[in-house]
N, C-alpha and C. Protein backbone atom coordinates (compact mmCIF):
# COMPACT_ATOMS: atom_id res chain seq x y z
N MET A 1 0.97 -1.19 0.17
CA MET A 1 -0.04 -0.03 0.17
C MET A 1 0.72 1.02 0.10
N ASP A 2 0.65 2.24 -0.83
CA ASP A 2 1.29 3.27 -1.18
C ASP A 2 0.89 4.43 -0.20
N VAL A 3 1.27 4.75 1.19
CA VAL A 3 0.88 5.81 2.09
C VAL A 3 1.78 6.97 2.26
N LEU A 4 1.25 8.10 2.04
CA LEU A 4 2.24 9.46 2.29
C LEU A 4 2.01 9.76 3.81
N HIS A 5 3.00 9.96 4.18
CA HIS A 5 3.15 10.58 5.93
C HIS A 5 3.21 11.92 5.56
N VAL A 6 1.77 12.67 6.26
CA VAL A 6 2.11 14.11 6.54
C VAL A 6 2.65 14.57 7.57
N ASP A 7 3.59 15.35 8.04
CA ASP A 7 4.31 15.61 8.96
C ASP A 7 4.51 17.14 8.96
N CYS A 8 3.65 17.86 9.55
CA CYS A 8 3.61 19.41 9.63
C CYS A 8 4.63 20.09 10.34
N GLN A 9 5.02 19.11 10.75
CA GLN A 9 6.32 19.69 11.92
C GLN A 9 7.89 19.63 10.94
N THR A 10 7.71 18.88 9.80
CA THR A 10 8.81 18.86 8.90
C THR A 10 8.43 19.73 7.32
N CYS A 11 7.35 19.95 7.23
CA CYS A 11 6.97 20.47 6.19
C CYS A 11 7.54 21.68 5.64
N VAL A 12 8.40 22.14 4.81
CA VAL A 12 9.12 23.04 4.40
C VAL A 12 8.42 24.41 4.16
N ALA A 13 7.18 24.13 3.71
CA ALA A 13 6.12 25.25 3.53
C ALA A 13 5.47 25.61 4.78
N ARG A 14 5.73 25.14 5.85
CA ARG A 14 5.27 25.22 7.02
C ARG A 14 5.12 27.22 7.35
N GLY A 15 4.33 27.51 7.71
CA GLY A 15 4.09 29.18 8.20
C GLY A 15 3.05 29.45 7.38
N PRO A 16 3.84 30.39 6.30
CA PRO A 16 2.56 31.03 5.32
C PRO A 16 1.69 30.24 4.88
N ALA A 17 2.30 28.77 3.90
CA ALA A 17 1.36 27.93 3.22
C ALA A 17 0.13 27.21 4.48
N CYS A 18 0.38 26.84 5.62
CA CYS A 18 -0.30 26.31 6.67
C CYS A 18 -1.77 26.67 6.38
N ASP A 19 -2.20 28.07 6.13
CA ASP A 19 -3.38 28.25 6.36
C ASP A 19 -4.32 27.85 5.17
N ASP A 20 -3.80 27.69 3.85
CA ASP A 20 -3.95 27.11 2.42
C ASP A 20 -3.96 25.58 2.27
N CYS A 21 -3.82 24.96 3.32
CA CYS A 21 -3.50 23.50 3.29
C CYS A 21 -4.65 22.59 3.79
N VAL A 22 -4.96 21.64 3.32
CA VAL A 22 -5.90 20.73 3.24
C VAL A 22 -5.97 20.05 4.91
N ILE A 23 -4.52 19.87 4.92
CA ILE A 23 -4.39 19.30 6.49
C ILE A 23 -4.74 19.98 7.69
N SER A 24 -4.07 21.34 7.51
CA SER A 24 -4.78 22.38 8.69
C SER A 24 -5.82 22.86 8.69
N ALA A 25 -6.90 22.85 7.47
CA ALA A 25 -7.95 23.15 7.33
C ALA A 25 -9.07 21.79 8.22
N LEU A 26 -8.74 20.83 8.08
CA LEU A 26 -9.56 19.92 8.16
C LEU A 26 -8.77 19.21 9.58
N LEU A 27 -7.65 18.97 9.83
CA LEU A 27 -7.14 18.59 11.05
C LEU A 27 -6.42 19.72 11.80
N GLY A 28 -6.42 20.63 11.61
CA GLY A 28 -5.24 21.73 12.60
C GLY A 28 -4.08 21.48 12.83
N ALA A 29 -3.48 20.97 11.86
CA ALA A 29 -1.90 20.58 11.68
C ALA A 29 -1.79 19.87 12.81
N PRO A 30 -2.12 18.63 12.79
CA PRO A 30 -1.61 17.76 14.02
C PRO A 30 -0.35 17.35 14.15
N SER A 31 0.36 17.20 15.78
CA SER A 31 1.43 17.41 15.89
C SER A 31 2.23 15.88 15.52
N GLN A 32 1.29 14.82 15.62
CA GLN A 32 2.04 13.49 15.39
C GLN A 32 2.03 13.46 13.83
N GLY A 33 1.49 14.25 12.85
CA GLY A 33 1.17 13.90 11.53
C GLY A 33 -0.07 13.13 11.19
N VAL A 34 -0.12 12.76 9.87
CA VAL A 34 -1.03 11.59 9.68
C VAL A 34 -0.60 11.00 8.17
N ASP A 35 -1.31 9.88 8.20
CA ASP A 35 -0.89 8.91 6.92
C ASP A 35 -1.97 8.96 6.08
N LEU A 36 -1.99 8.97 4.92
CA LEU A 36 -2.75 8.88 3.83
C LEU A 36 -2.47 7.99 2.79
N ASP A 37 -3.45 7.23 2.49
CA ASP A 37 -3.37 5.99 1.57
C ASP A 37 -3.83 6.61 0.14
N LEU A 38 -3.68 6.00 -0.98
CA LEU A 38 -3.96 6.60 -2.28
C LEU A 38 -5.60 6.99 -2.36
N ASP A 39 -6.31 6.21 -1.83
CA ASP A 39 -7.92 6.79 -2.11
C ASP A 39 -8.16 7.78 -0.87
N GLU A 40 -7.67 8.12 -0.37
CA GLU A 40 -7.84 9.32 0.63
C GLU A 40 -7.10 10.52 0.20
N ARG A 41 -6.03 10.23 -0.52
CA ARG A 41 -5.28 11.39 -1.31
C ARG A 41 -6.11 11.72 -2.73
N ALA A 42 -6.54 10.54 -3.30
CA ALA A 42 -7.33 10.82 -4.39
C ALA A 42 -8.98 11.58 -3.85
N ALA A 43 -9.14 11.46 -2.58
CA ALA A 43 -10.46 12.13 -2.27
C ALA A 43 -10.05 13.64 -2.22
N LEU A 44 -9.35 13.69 -1.22
CA LEU A 44 -8.42 15.08 -0.79
C LEU A 44 -8.29 16.07 -2.15
N ALA A 45 -7.87 15.14 -3.28
CA ALA A 45 -7.44 16.05 -4.48
C ALA A 45 -9.14 16.38 -5.27
N ALA A 46 -9.83 15.45 -5.18
CA ALA A 46 -10.86 15.80 -5.99
C ALA A 46 -11.89 17.09 -5.40
N LEU A 47 -11.69 16.83 -4.03
CA LEU A 47 -12.48 17.91 -3.39
C LEU A 47 -11.57 19.37 -3.78
N ALA A 48 -10.61 19.29 -3.64
CA ALA A 48 -9.81 20.38 -3.82
C ALA A 48 -9.89 20.86 -5.30
N GLU A 49 -9.99 20.05 -6.28
CA GLU A 49 -10.38 20.28 -7.42
C GLU A 49 -11.70 21.02 -7.76
N GLN A 50 -12.87 20.84 -7.14
CA GLN A 50 -13.86 21.39 -6.98
C GLN A 50 -13.95 22.65 -6.17
N GLY A 51 -12.72 22.90 -5.43
CA GLY A 51 -12.82 24.29 -4.70
C GLY A 51 -13.35 24.00 -3.19
N MET A 52 -13.49 22.67 -2.66
CA MET A 52 -14.21 22.76 -1.46
C MET A 52 -13.21 22.51 -0.30
N VAL A 53 -12.15 22.10 -0.76
CA VAL A 53 -11.07 22.42 0.48
C VAL A 53 -9.61 22.82 -0.40
N PRO A 54 -9.16 23.48 0.75
CA PRO A 54 -7.53 23.94 -0.14
C PRO A 54 -6.73 22.32 -0.54
N PRO A 55 -5.85 22.58 -1.15
CA PRO A 55 -5.11 21.61 -1.57
C PRO A 55 -4.15 20.99 -0.78
N LEU A 56 -3.50 19.94 -0.83
CA LEU A 56 -2.21 19.82 0.08
C LEU A 56 -1.19 20.34 -0.27
N ARG A 57 -0.68 21.37 0.33
CA ARG A 57 0.32 22.16 0.41
C ARG A 57 1.77 21.31 0.92
N LEU A 58 1.84 20.30 1.17
CA LEU A 58 3.22 19.48 1.92
C LEU A 58 4.18 19.79 0.87
N VAL A 59 5.64 20.39 1.21
CA VAL A 59 6.52 20.25 0.87
C VAL A 59 7.56 19.45 1.57
N PRO A 60 7.85 18.17 1.60
CA PRO A 60 8.55 17.44 2.45
C PRO A 60 9.85 17.92 2.79
N GLY A 61 10.37 17.93 3.91
CA GLY A 61 11.67 18.28 4.22
C GLY A 61 12.37 17.40 5.43
N VAL A 62 13.34 17.89 5.75
CA VAL A 62 14.01 17.10 6.94
C VAL A 62 13.75 17.64 8.58
N ARG A 63 14.04 16.80 9.04
CA ARG A 63 13.92 17.32 10.31
C ARG A 63 14.65 18.22 10.72
N PRO A 64 14.41 19.15 11.75
CA PRO A 64 15.30 20.44 12.12
C PRO A 64 16.56 19.96 12.92
N VAL A 65 17.46 20.45 12.25
CA VAL A 65 19.13 19.89 12.98
C VAL A 65 19.23 20.76 14.60
N ARG A 66 19.68 20.15 15.28
CA ARG A 66 20.27 20.99 16.45
C ARG A 66 21.71 21.80 15.77
N SER A 67 21.65 22.77 16.46
CA SER A 67 22.97 23.41 15.99
C SER A 67 24.51 22.71 16.66
N VAL A 68 25.69 22.71 16.02
CA VAL A 68 26.68 22.03 16.36
C VAL A 68 27.53 22.97 16.73
N PRO A 69 28.38 22.47 17.79
CA PRO A 69 29.33 24.13 17.99
C PRO A 69 30.23 23.95 17.17
N SER A 70 30.80 25.13 16.68
CA SER A 70 32.23 25.20 16.10
C SER A 70 33.35 24.72 16.47
N ALA A 71 34.23 24.39 15.69
CA ALA A 71 35.69 23.75 16.29
C ALA A 71 36.23 25.29 16.57
N GLN A 72 36.87 24.89 17.91
CA GLN A 72 37.73 25.95 18.44
C GLN A 72 39.05 26.49 17.77
N PRO A 73 39.54 27.21 17.51
CA PRO A 73 41.20 27.58 16.31
C PRO A 73 42.08 26.49 17.00
N TRP A 74 41.92 26.20 17.90
CA TRP A 74 43.04 25.28 18.57
C TRP A 74 42.80 23.86 18.32
N GLN A 75 41.71 23.57 18.03
CA GLN A 75 40.93 22.32 17.63
C GLN A 75 41.41 21.98 16.21
N GLY A 76 41.77 22.64 15.48
CA GLY A 76 41.84 22.30 13.95
C GLY A 76 40.52 21.99 13.71
N TYR A 77 41.01 21.33 12.22
CA TYR A 77 39.72 20.66 11.42
C TYR A 77 39.93 19.54 10.94
N ALA A 78 39.62 18.16 10.93
CA ALA A 78 39.84 17.16 10.35
C ALA A 78 39.60 17.27 8.92
């Protein structure tokens, strides 16, 4: 089964595009994300094509990375 995991926390379009995304409109940007199968994606696409809901604005990204301290001059670089 082809499942799309929609994770609002890692979406590159997060912020301005959230207000015009079907996930935010229907679910309020769930913190755990949501899995959509092919039938669910087709149904949401059909509703969006008719203007009944906004389209899926997901732009998959990577999880936020914690900053790493830079090397001190005396440590050198490998």
